[in-house]
Amino acid sequence: MVLICVVDDDVSMRSSLGNLLKSLGCRSIGFASGEAFLASSEASQAACVLLDLRMQGMQGLDVLRHLRASDPHPPVVCMSAHGDQQTVSRVMVAGALAFLAKPFCEEQLINALELAGIVI
């Protein structure tokens, strides 16, 4: 079972994504901050990371840059309710695989996971 890490400071978002991922046959672990995620052993085991851009403490773009500097690095799907074109361009240039504008539907999440090579 593939591991997907959900990094979002919103507990309800972590919970709902965790439930959705479970229903899709994936294992997920949620993290309330970028710092907690990067300090975890799961960071190196993730098949994909769902990463919120606006969080308390370390911002999602900084987490993305940190992950892209490591080898190997998991595919990262960024998500935010504040996704203007400049923000989307910035995260894609920084190495995100996809961007999901909150709120997003199950089909959009599945499409992003399939881009990451995860078969649902």
N, C-alpha and C. Protein backbone atom coordinates (compact mmCIF):
# COMPACT_ATOMS: atom_id res chain seq x y z
N MET A 1 0.85 -1.18 0.00
CA MET A 1 0.00 0.00 0.00
C MET A 1 0.90 1.24 0.00
N VAL A 2 0.66 2.15 -0.93
CA VAL A 2 1.49 3.34 -1.04
C VAL A 2 1.21 4.31 0.10
N LEU A 3 2.25 5.05 0.48
CA LEU A 3 2.14 6.04 1.54
C LEU A 3 2.07 7.43 0.93
N ILE A 4 1.04 8.16 1.30
CA ILE A 4 0.90 9.55 0.89
C ILE A 4 0.90 10.41 2.15
N CYS A 5 1.79 11.39 2.17
CA CYS A 5 1.87 12.29 3.31
C CYS A 5 1.08 13.56 3.01
N VAL A 6 0.25 13.94 3.96
CA VAL A 6 -0.57 15.14 3.85
C VAL A 6 -0.01 16.17 4.83
N VAL A 7 0.49 17.28 4.30
CA VAL A 7 1.09 18.32 5.13
C VAL A 7 0.19 19.55 5.04
N ASP A 8 -0.57 19.78 6.11
CA ASP A 8 -1.54 20.88 6.13
C ASP A 8 -1.80 21.23 7.58
N ASP A 9 -1.81 22.52 7.91
CA ASP A 9 -2.04 22.91 9.30
C ASP A 9 -3.51 22.90 9.69
N ASP A 10 -4.40 22.60 8.75
CA ASP A 10 -5.83 22.51 9.02
C ASP A 10 -6.20 21.06 9.34
N VAL A 11 -6.55 20.80 10.59
CA VAL A 11 -6.82 19.44 11.03
C VAL A 11 -7.97 18.80 10.25
N SER A 12 -8.99 19.59 9.91
CA SER A 12 -10.12 19.02 9.18
C SER A 12 -9.71 18.63 7.76
N MET A 13 -8.81 19.37 7.15
CA MET A 13 -8.31 19.03 5.82
C MET A 13 -7.48 17.75 5.88
N ARG A 14 -6.62 17.63 6.88
CA ARG A 14 -5.82 16.40 7.03
C ARG A 14 -6.74 15.20 7.23
N SER A 15 -7.76 15.38 8.05
CA SER A 15 -8.69 14.29 8.33
C SER A 15 -9.49 13.88 7.10
N SER A 16 -10.04 14.86 6.39
CA SER A 16 -10.86 14.53 5.23
C SER A 16 -10.02 13.93 4.10
N LEU A 17 -8.82 14.46 3.89
CA LEU A 17 -7.96 13.86 2.88
C LEU A 17 -7.52 12.46 3.29
N GLY A 18 -7.25 12.26 4.56
CA GLY A 18 -6.89 10.93 5.06
C GLY A 18 -7.99 9.92 4.80
N ASN A 19 -9.23 10.32 5.06
CA ASN A 19 -10.37 9.42 4.82
C ASN A 19 -10.54 9.14 3.33
N LEU A 20 -10.39 10.16 2.51
CA LEU A 20 -10.53 9.98 1.07
C LEU A 20 -9.42 9.06 0.53
N LEU A 21 -8.20 9.30 0.97
CA LEU A 21 -7.09 8.47 0.51
C LEU A 21 -7.27 7.01 0.93
N LYS A 22 -7.77 6.81 2.14
CA LYS A 22 -8.03 5.45 2.62
C LYS A 22 -9.08 4.78 1.73
N SER A 23 -10.13 5.51 1.35
CA SER A 23 -11.17 4.94 0.50
C SER A 23 -10.63 4.61 -0.89
N LEU A 24 -9.53 5.27 -1.28
CA LEU A 24 -8.91 5.00 -2.58
C LEU A 24 -7.85 3.90 -2.50
N GLY A 25 -7.67 3.34 -1.31
CA GLY A 25 -6.72 2.24 -1.14
C GLY A 25 -5.30 2.68 -0.82
N CYS A 26 -5.14 3.91 -0.34
CA CYS A 26 -3.82 4.43 0.00
C CYS A 26 -3.69 4.56 1.51
N ARG A 27 -2.47 4.48 1.98
CA ARG A 27 -2.17 4.75 3.39
C ARG A 27 -1.71 6.20 3.45
N SER A 28 -2.16 6.92 4.46
CA SER A 28 -1.74 8.31 4.58
C SER A 28 -1.34 8.63 6.02
N ILE A 29 -0.47 9.60 6.13
CA ILE A 29 -0.07 10.15 7.42
C ILE A 29 -0.15 11.66 7.29
N GLY A 30 -0.76 12.31 8.28
CA GLY A 30 -0.90 13.75 8.26
C GLY A 30 0.11 14.44 9.15
N PHE A 31 0.52 15.61 8.73
CA PHE A 31 1.46 16.43 9.49
C PHE A 31 0.91 17.84 9.57
N ALA A 32 0.98 18.45 10.75
CA ALA A 32 0.43 19.78 10.98
C ALA A 32 1.38 20.90 10.56
N SER A 33 2.62 20.55 10.22
CA SER A 33 3.58 21.58 9.82
C SER A 33 4.63 20.98 8.90
N GLY A 34 5.25 21.86 8.14
CA GLY A 34 6.35 21.43 7.28
C GLY A 34 7.52 20.93 8.09
N GLU A 35 7.77 21.57 9.22
CA GLU A 35 8.88 21.16 10.07
C GLU A 35 8.68 19.73 10.60
N ALA A 36 7.45 19.41 11.03
CA ALA A 36 7.17 18.07 11.55
C ALA A 36 7.33 17.03 10.45
N PHE A 37 6.87 17.36 9.26
CA PHE A 37 7.00 16.44 8.14
C PHE A 37 8.47 16.19 7.81
N LEU A 38 9.25 17.25 7.65
CA LEU A 38 10.66 17.09 7.26
C LEU A 38 11.47 16.35 8.32
N ALA A 39 11.05 16.45 9.59
CA ALA A 39 11.76 15.76 10.68
C ALA A 39 11.36 14.29 10.80
N SER A 40 10.34 13.88 10.06
CA SER A 40 9.82 12.51 10.19
C SER A 40 10.55 11.54 9.28
N SER A 41 10.51 10.27 9.65
CA SER A 41 11.08 9.23 8.79
C SER A 41 10.20 8.99 7.57
N GLU A 42 8.92 9.33 7.66
CA GLU A 42 8.00 9.12 6.55
C GLU A 42 8.32 10.03 5.37
N ALA A 43 9.03 11.14 5.60
CA ALA A 43 9.35 12.06 4.51
C ALA A 43 10.12 11.36 3.41
N SER A 44 10.97 10.42 3.77
CA SER A 44 11.76 9.71 2.77
C SER A 44 11.05 8.48 2.22
N GLN A 45 9.92 8.11 2.81
CA GLN A 45 9.19 6.91 2.38
C GLN A 45 7.95 7.23 1.56
N ALA A 46 7.60 8.50 1.46
CA ALA A 46 6.35 8.89 0.81
C ALA A 46 6.39 8.64 -0.70
N ALA A 47 5.31 8.06 -1.21
CA ALA A 47 5.16 7.91 -2.66
C ALA A 47 4.71 9.23 -3.27
N CYS A 48 4.11 10.09 -2.45
CA CYS A 48 3.64 11.41 -2.89
C CYS A 48 3.39 12.26 -1.65
N VAL A 49 3.54 13.57 -1.81
CA VAL A 49 3.27 14.51 -0.72
C VAL A 49 2.21 15.50 -1.20
N LEU A 50 1.14 15.61 -0.42
CA LEU A 50 0.12 16.64 -0.65
C LEU A 50 0.46 17.77 0.31
N LEU A 51 0.84 18.91 -0.24
CA LEU A 51 1.47 19.98 0.54
C LEU A 51 0.69 21.29 0.43
N ASP A 52 0.18 21.75 1.57
CA ASP A 52 -0.47 23.05 1.62
C ASP A 52 0.59 24.14 1.51
N LEU A 53 0.27 25.23 0.84
CA LEU A 53 1.25 26.30 0.67
C LEU A 53 1.29 27.28 1.83
N ARG A 54 0.13 27.55 2.44
CA ARG A 54 0.08 28.54 3.52
C ARG A 54 -0.14 27.84 4.85
N MET A 55 0.92 27.82 5.65
CA MET A 55 0.85 27.17 6.97
C MET A 55 1.56 28.04 7.99
N GLN A 56 1.28 27.77 9.25
CA GLN A 56 2.03 28.40 10.32
C GLN A 56 3.46 27.87 10.25
N GLY A 57 4.42 28.71 10.54
CA GLY A 57 5.81 28.27 10.50
C GLY A 57 6.32 28.19 9.06
N MET A 58 6.99 27.11 8.76
CA MET A 58 7.58 26.92 7.43
C MET A 58 6.48 26.86 6.36
N GLN A 59 6.60 27.68 5.36
CA GLN A 59 5.62 27.72 4.27
C GLN A 59 5.83 26.55 3.31
N GLY A 60 4.77 26.20 2.60
CA GLY A 60 4.82 25.07 1.69
C GLY A 60 5.88 25.19 0.61
N LEU A 61 6.07 26.38 0.07
CA LEU A 61 7.08 26.57 -0.97
C LEU A 61 8.48 26.26 -0.44
N ASP A 62 8.75 26.61 0.81
CA ASP A 62 10.04 26.30 1.42
C ASP A 62 10.20 24.78 1.62
N VAL A 63 9.12 24.12 2.01
CA VAL A 63 9.15 22.65 2.17
C VAL A 63 9.41 22.01 0.80
N LEU A 64 8.73 22.50 -0.23
CA LEU A 64 8.93 21.98 -1.58
C LEU A 64 10.39 22.12 -2.01
N ARG A 65 10.95 23.27 -1.81
CA ARG A 65 12.36 23.50 -2.19
C ARG A 65 13.29 22.57 -1.42
N HIS A 66 13.01 22.37 -0.15
CA HIS A 66 13.82 21.47 0.66
C HIS A 66 13.73 20.04 0.12
N LEU A 67 12.53 19.60 -0.20
CA LEU A 67 12.34 18.25 -0.74
C LEU A 67 13.04 18.08 -2.08
N ARG A 68 12.95 19.07 -2.95
CA ARG A 68 13.55 18.97 -4.28
C ARG A 68 15.07 18.92 -4.19
N ALA A 69 15.64 19.44 -3.11
CA ALA A 69 17.09 19.41 -2.94
C ALA A 69 17.58 18.06 -2.43
N SER A 70 16.67 17.22 -1.95
CA SER A 70 17.07 15.91 -1.43
C SER A 70 17.01 14.89 -2.56
N ASP A 71 17.73 13.80 -2.38
CA ASP A 71 17.76 12.76 -3.39
C ASP A 71 17.64 11.41 -2.72
N PRO A 72 16.68 10.61 -3.02
CA PRO A 72 15.59 10.89 -3.96
C PRO A 72 14.53 11.77 -3.30
N HIS A 73 13.66 12.33 -4.10
CA HIS A 73 12.59 13.17 -3.55
C HIS A 73 11.25 12.69 -4.10
N PRO A 74 10.25 12.74 -3.24
CA PRO A 74 8.92 12.28 -3.66
C PRO A 74 8.25 13.32 -4.55
N PRO A 75 7.30 12.89 -5.39
CA PRO A 75 6.50 13.86 -6.13
C PRO A 75 5.67 14.69 -5.15
N VAL A 76 5.53 15.96 -5.45
CA VAL A 76 4.80 16.87 -4.56
C VAL A 76 3.64 17.52 -5.32
N VAL A 77 2.46 17.43 -4.73
CA VAL A 77 1.28 18.11 -5.23
C VAL A 77 0.96 19.23 -4.24
N CYS A 78 1.06 20.47 -4.71
CA CYS A 78 0.77 21.61 -3.84
C CYS A 78 -0.71 21.92 -3.90
N MET A 79 -1.21 22.46 -2.81
CA MET A 79 -2.63 22.81 -2.72
C MET A 79 -2.77 24.08 -1.89
N SER A 80 -3.77 24.89 -2.28
CA SER A 80 -4.00 26.13 -1.56
C SER A 80 -5.35 26.71 -1.97
N ALA A 81 -5.95 27.43 -1.04
CA ALA A 81 -7.16 28.19 -1.34
C ALA A 81 -6.81 29.54 -1.94
N HIS A 82 -5.52 29.85 -1.99
CA HIS A 82 -5.03 31.14 -2.47
C HIS A 82 -4.13 30.92 -3.67
N GLY A 83 -4.68 30.36 -4.72
CA GLY A 83 -3.89 29.96 -5.87
C GLY A 83 -4.00 30.89 -7.07
N ASP A 84 -3.48 32.10 -6.95
CA ASP A 84 -3.46 32.98 -8.12
C ASP A 84 -2.42 32.46 -9.12
N GLN A 85 -2.46 32.98 -10.33
CA GLN A 85 -1.59 32.47 -11.39
C GLN A 85 -0.11 32.59 -11.03
N GLN A 86 0.28 33.66 -10.37
CA GLN A 86 1.68 33.84 -9.97
C GLN A 86 2.11 32.75 -8.99
N THR A 87 1.25 32.43 -8.03
CA THR A 87 1.57 31.38 -7.06
C THR A 87 1.69 30.03 -7.74
N VAL A 88 0.74 29.72 -8.61
CA VAL A 88 0.79 28.45 -9.33
C VAL A 88 2.07 28.35 -10.15
N SER A 89 2.43 29.41 -10.86
CA SER A 89 3.66 29.41 -11.66
C SER A 89 4.89 29.21 -10.78
N ARG A 90 4.90 29.87 -9.63
CA ARG A 90 6.06 29.78 -8.73
C ARG A 90 6.26 28.34 -8.23
N VAL A 91 5.17 27.67 -7.84
CA VAL A 91 5.33 26.30 -7.31
C VAL A 91 5.66 25.31 -8.42
N MET A 92 5.14 25.54 -9.61
CA MET A 92 5.46 24.63 -10.71
C MET A 92 6.94 24.78 -11.11
N VAL A 93 7.44 26.00 -11.15
CA VAL A 93 8.86 26.23 -11.45
C VAL A 93 9.73 25.62 -10.36
N ALA A 94 9.25 25.67 -9.11
CA ALA A 94 10.02 25.12 -7.99
C ALA A 94 10.01 23.58 -7.97
N GLY A 95 9.19 22.97 -8.82
CA GLY A 95 9.24 21.51 -8.92
C GLY A 95 8.00 20.75 -8.52
N ALA A 96 6.90 21.45 -8.25
CA ALA A 96 5.67 20.72 -7.92
C ALA A 96 5.18 19.97 -9.16
N LEU A 97 4.61 18.82 -8.92
CA LEU A 97 4.07 18.00 -10.00
C LEU A 97 2.73 18.55 -10.48
N ALA A 98 1.95 19.08 -9.54
CA ALA A 98 0.61 19.59 -9.85
C ALA A 98 0.22 20.59 -8.77
N PHE A 99 -0.84 21.34 -9.06
CA PHE A 99 -1.40 22.29 -8.10
C PHE A 99 -2.91 22.06 -8.03
N LEU A 100 -3.41 21.93 -6.82
CA LEU A 100 -4.85 21.77 -6.59
C LEU A 100 -5.37 23.00 -5.85
N ALA A 101 -6.35 23.67 -6.45
CA ALA A 101 -6.98 24.82 -5.81
C ALA A 101 -8.07 24.31 -4.87
N LYS A 102 -7.96 24.69 -3.59
CA LYS A 102 -8.97 24.29 -2.61
C LYS A 102 -10.21 25.14 -2.80
N PRO A 103 -11.38 24.59 -2.69
CA PRO A 103 -11.66 23.16 -2.52
C PRO A 103 -11.55 22.44 -3.86
N PHE A 104 -11.10 21.20 -3.82
CA PHE A 104 -10.98 20.41 -5.04
C PHE A 104 -11.79 19.13 -4.88
N CYS A 105 -12.09 18.51 -5.99
CA CYS A 105 -12.93 17.31 -5.95
C CYS A 105 -12.06 16.05 -6.00
N GLU A 106 -12.69 14.94 -5.72
CA GLU A 106 -12.00 13.65 -5.70
C GLU A 106 -11.31 13.37 -7.04
N GLU A 107 -11.98 13.67 -8.14
CA GLU A 107 -11.42 13.41 -9.46
C GLU A 107 -10.13 14.20 -9.69
N GLN A 108 -10.08 15.45 -9.24
CA GLN A 108 -8.87 16.25 -9.38
C GLN A 108 -7.72 15.65 -8.57
N LEU A 109 -8.03 15.17 -7.37
CA LEU A 109 -7.01 14.53 -6.54
C LEU A 109 -6.51 13.26 -7.22
N ILE A 110 -7.41 12.44 -7.72
CA ILE A 110 -7.02 11.20 -8.39
C ILE A 110 -6.13 11.51 -9.59
N ASN A 111 -6.49 12.51 -10.37
CA ASN A 111 -5.66 12.89 -11.53
C ASN A 111 -4.26 13.29 -11.10
N ALA A 112 -4.15 14.05 -10.02
CA ALA A 112 -2.83 14.47 -9.52
C ALA A 112 -2.03 13.27 -9.03
N LEU A 113 -2.69 12.34 -8.33
CA LEU A 113 -2.00 11.14 -7.85
C LEU A 113 -1.54 10.28 -9.02
N GLU A 114 -2.34 10.20 -10.06
CA GLU A 114 -1.94 9.43 -11.25
C GLU A 114 -0.73 10.07 -11.93
N LEU A 115 -0.65 11.40 -11.92
CA LEU A 115 0.56 12.08 -12.43
C LEU A 115 1.80 11.67 -11.64
N ALA A 116 1.60 11.38 -10.37
CA ALA A 116 2.69 10.96 -9.50
C ALA A 116 3.02 9.48 -9.67
N GLY A 117 2.27 8.79 -10.55
CA GLY A 117 2.54 7.39 -10.78
C GLY A 117 1.81 6.45 -9.84
N ILE A 118 0.85 6.98 -9.11
CA ILE A 118 0.08 6.16 -8.17
C ILE A 118 -1.17 5.66 -8.87
N VAL A 119 -1.32 4.36 -8.92
CA VAL A 119 -2.46 3.75 -9.59
C VAL A 119 -3.58 3.60 -8.58
N ILE A 120 -4.72 4.18 -8.88
CA ILE A 120 -5.88 4.13 -7.98
C ILE A 120 -6.85 3.09 -8.51
